Amino acid sequence: MKSRRKFSAEFKARVALEAIKEQSTLAELAVKYEIHPNQITEWKKIFLANARLTFTEKLPEKKQEEEVRRLYEQIGQLKVENDFLKKKLY
């Protein structure tokens, strides 16, 4: 029995972009990348449906790291409090 192949997001995006450019037919792309034309069509639909996310505002990397650090500190504090209260119960 053949196992399913897994493709990276980069690979899917590259194939979808080539399909959008329409410089090659789906059949040509399918042969080139050894995947079914229906799979290319599906990736193209997903790519186009999510294209708007490219322009959504994201947290700058530094702010994101600070937020993660803050959340880890909060988790640590809650764990300490939780452990303390468990000891008090028994």
C-alpha atoms as a PDB file:
ATOM      1  CA  MET A   1       0.000   0.000   0.000  1.00  0.00           C
ATOM      2  CA  LYS A   2       1.274   3.433  -0.943  1.00  0.00           C
ATOM      3  CA  SER A   3       1.585   6.015   1.826  1.00  0.00           C
ATOM      4  CA  ARG A   4       0.267   9.518   1.313  1.00  0.00           C
ATOM      5  CA  ARG A   5       2.739  12.154   0.280  1.00  0.00           C
ATOM      6  CA  LYS A   6       2.966  15.330   2.304  1.00  0.00           C
ATOM      7  CA  PHE A   7       3.772  18.648   0.692  1.00  0.00           C
ATOM      8  CA  SER A   8       5.188  21.746   2.356  1.00  0.00           C
ATOM      9  CA  ALA A   9       3.291  25.010   2.375  1.00  0.00           C
ATOM     10  CA  GLU A  10       6.033  26.526   0.205  1.00  0.00           C
ATOM     11  CA  PHE A  11       5.618  23.810  -2.405  1.00  0.00           C
ATOM     12  CA  LYS A  12       1.833  24.213  -2.475  1.00  0.00           C
ATOM     13  CA  ALA A  13       2.163  27.990  -2.817  1.00  0.00           C
ATOM     14  CA  ARG A  14       4.678  27.663  -5.649  1.00  0.00           C
ATOM     15  CA  VAL A  15       2.425  25.264  -7.569  1.00  0.00           C
ATOM     16  CA  ALA A  16      -0.650  27.425  -6.920  1.00  0.00           C
ATOM     17  CA  LEU A  17       1.178  30.533  -8.172  1.00  0.00           C
ATOM     18  CA  GLU A  18       2.248  28.754 -11.339  1.00  0.00           C
ATOM     19  CA  ALA A  19      -1.353  27.695 -11.904  1.00  0.00           C
ATOM     20  CA  ILE A  20      -2.557  31.264 -11.375  1.00  0.00           C
ATOM     21  CA  LYS A  21      -0.020  32.595 -13.891  1.00  0.00           C
ATOM     22  CA  GLU A  22      -1.527  30.238 -16.491  1.00  0.00           C
ATOM     23  CA  GLN A  23       1.747  29.973 -18.399  1.00  0.00           C
ATOM     24  CA  SER A  24       1.350  26.190 -18.320  1.00  0.00           C
ATOM     25  CA  THR A  25      -1.767  24.052 -18.431  1.00  0.00           C
ATOM     26  CA  LEU A  26      -2.920  22.106 -15.398  1.00  0.00           C
ATOM     27  CA  ALA A  27      -1.948  18.917 -17.189  1.00  0.00           C
ATOM     28  CA  GLU A  28       1.581  20.223 -17.780  1.00  0.00           C
ATOM     29  CA  LEU A  29       1.919  21.293 -14.156  1.00  0.00           C
ATOM     30  CA  ALA A  30       0.571  17.934 -12.998  1.00  0.00           C
ATOM     31  CA  VAL A  31       3.230  16.108 -14.983  1.00  0.00           C
ATOM     32  CA  LYS A  32       5.959  18.525 -13.898  1.00  0.00           C
ATOM     33  CA  TYR A  33       5.177  18.181 -10.177  1.00  0.00           C
ATOM     34  CA  GLU A  34       3.818  14.618 -10.293  1.00  0.00           C
ATOM     35  CA  ILE A  35       0.485  15.496  -8.707  1.00  0.00           C
ATOM     36  CA  HIS A  36      -3.112  15.245  -9.862  1.00  0.00           C
ATOM     37  CA  PRO A  37      -4.582  18.286 -11.667  1.00  0.00           C
ATOM     38  CA  ASN A  38      -7.485  18.332  -9.195  1.00  0.00           C
ATOM     39  CA  GLN A  39      -4.986  18.820  -6.376  1.00  0.00           C
ATOM     40  CA  ILE A  40      -3.491  21.821  -8.160  1.00  0.00           C
ATOM     41  CA  THR A  41      -6.977  23.297  -8.631  1.00  0.00           C
ATOM     42  CA  GLU A  42      -7.710  22.817  -4.924  1.00  0.00           C
ATOM     43  CA  TRP A  43      -4.462  24.490  -3.836  1.00  0.00           C
ATOM     44  CA  LYS A  44      -5.152  27.354  -6.245  1.00  0.00           C
ATOM     45  CA  LYS A  45      -8.620  27.892  -4.723  1.00  0.00           C
ATOM     46  CA  ILE A  46      -7.210  27.851  -1.193  1.00  0.00           C
ATOM     47  CA  PHE A  47      -4.409  30.223  -2.175  1.00  0.00           C
ATOM     48  CA  LEU A  48      -6.795  32.737  -3.746  1.00  0.00           C
ATOM     49  CA  ALA A  49      -9.264  32.494  -0.862  1.00  0.00           C
ATOM     50  CA  ASN A  50      -6.516  33.325   1.637  1.00  0.00           C
ATOM     51  CA  ALA A  51      -4.619  35.914  -0.408  1.00  0.00           C
ATOM     52  CA  ARG A  52      -6.170  38.734   1.628  1.00  0.00           C
ATOM     53  CA  LEU A  53      -4.307  37.480   4.713  1.00  0.00           C
ATOM     54  CA  THR A  54      -1.085  38.664   3.105  1.00  0.00           C
ATOM     55  CA  PHE A  55      -2.157  42.244   3.724  1.00  0.00           C
ATOM     56  CA  THR A  56      -3.584  41.872   7.223  1.00  0.00           C
ATOM     57  CA  GLU A  57      -1.750  43.602  10.001  1.00  0.00           C
ATOM     58  CA  LYS A  58       0.534  41.344  12.001  1.00  0.00           C
ATOM     59  CA  LEU A  59       2.269  41.989  15.278  1.00  0.00           C
ATOM     60  CA  PRO A  60       5.861  42.976  14.717  1.00  0.00           C
ATOM     61  CA  GLU A  61       8.172  40.128  15.648  1.00  0.00           C
ATOM     62  CA  LYS A  62       9.562  41.917  18.722  1.00  0.00           C
ATOM     63  CA  LYS A  63       6.086  42.646  20.094  1.00  0.00           C
ATOM     64  CA  GLN A  64       5.072  39.067  19.428  1.00  0.00           C
ATOM     65  CA  GLU A  65       8.095  37.768  21.364  1.00  0.00           C
ATOM     66  CA  GLU A  66       7.298  40.110  24.256  1.00  0.00           C
ATOM     67  CA  GLU A  67       3.702  38.890  24.295  1.00  0.00           C
ATOM     68  CA  VAL A  68       4.842  35.250  24.370  1.00  0.00           C
ATOM     69  CA  ARG A  69       7.274  36.016  27.224  1.00  0.00           C
ATOM     70  CA  ARG A  70       4.548  37.813  29.179  1.00  0.00           C
ATOM     71  CA  LEU A  71       2.147  34.916  28.706  1.00  0.00           C
ATOM     72  CA  TYR A  72       4.762  32.381  29.854  1.00  0.00           C
ATOM     73  CA  GLU A  73       5.377  34.494  32.979  1.00  0.00           C
ATOM     74  CA  GLN A  74       1.649  34.546  33.651  1.00  0.00           C
ATOM     75  CA  ILE A  75       1.423  30.761  33.194  1.00  0.00           C
ATOM     76  CA  GLY A  76       4.323  30.296  35.619  1.00  0.00           C
ATOM     77  CA  GLN A  77       2.709  32.555  38.215  1.00  0.00           C
ATOM     78  CA  LEU A  78      -0.608  30.711  37.929  1.00  0.00           C
ATOM     79  CA  LYS A  79       1.162  27.348  38.286  1.00  0.00           C
ATOM     80  CA  VAL A  80       2.899  28.501  41.475  1.00  0.00           C
ATOM     81  CA  GLU A  81      -0.404  29.773  42.887  1.00  0.00           C
ATOM     82  CA  ASN A  82      -2.173  26.567  41.889  1.00  0.00           C
ATOM     83  CA  ASP A  83       0.502  24.379  43.536  1.00  0.00           C
ATOM     84  CA  PHE A  84       0.355  26.521  46.696  1.00  0.00           C
ATOM     85  CA  LEU A  85      -3.421  26.204  46.917  1.00  0.00           C
ATOM     86  CA  LYS A  86      -3.257  22.440  46.360  1.00  0.00           C
ATOM     87  CA  LYS A  87      -0.855  22.127  49.313  1.00  0.00           C
ATOM     88  CA  LYS A  88      -3.184  24.213  51.493  1.00  0.00           C
ATOM     89  CA  LEU A  89      -6.115  21.893  50.698  1.00  0.00           C
ATOM     90  CA  TYR A  90      -4.348  18.789  51.988  1.00  0.00           C
END
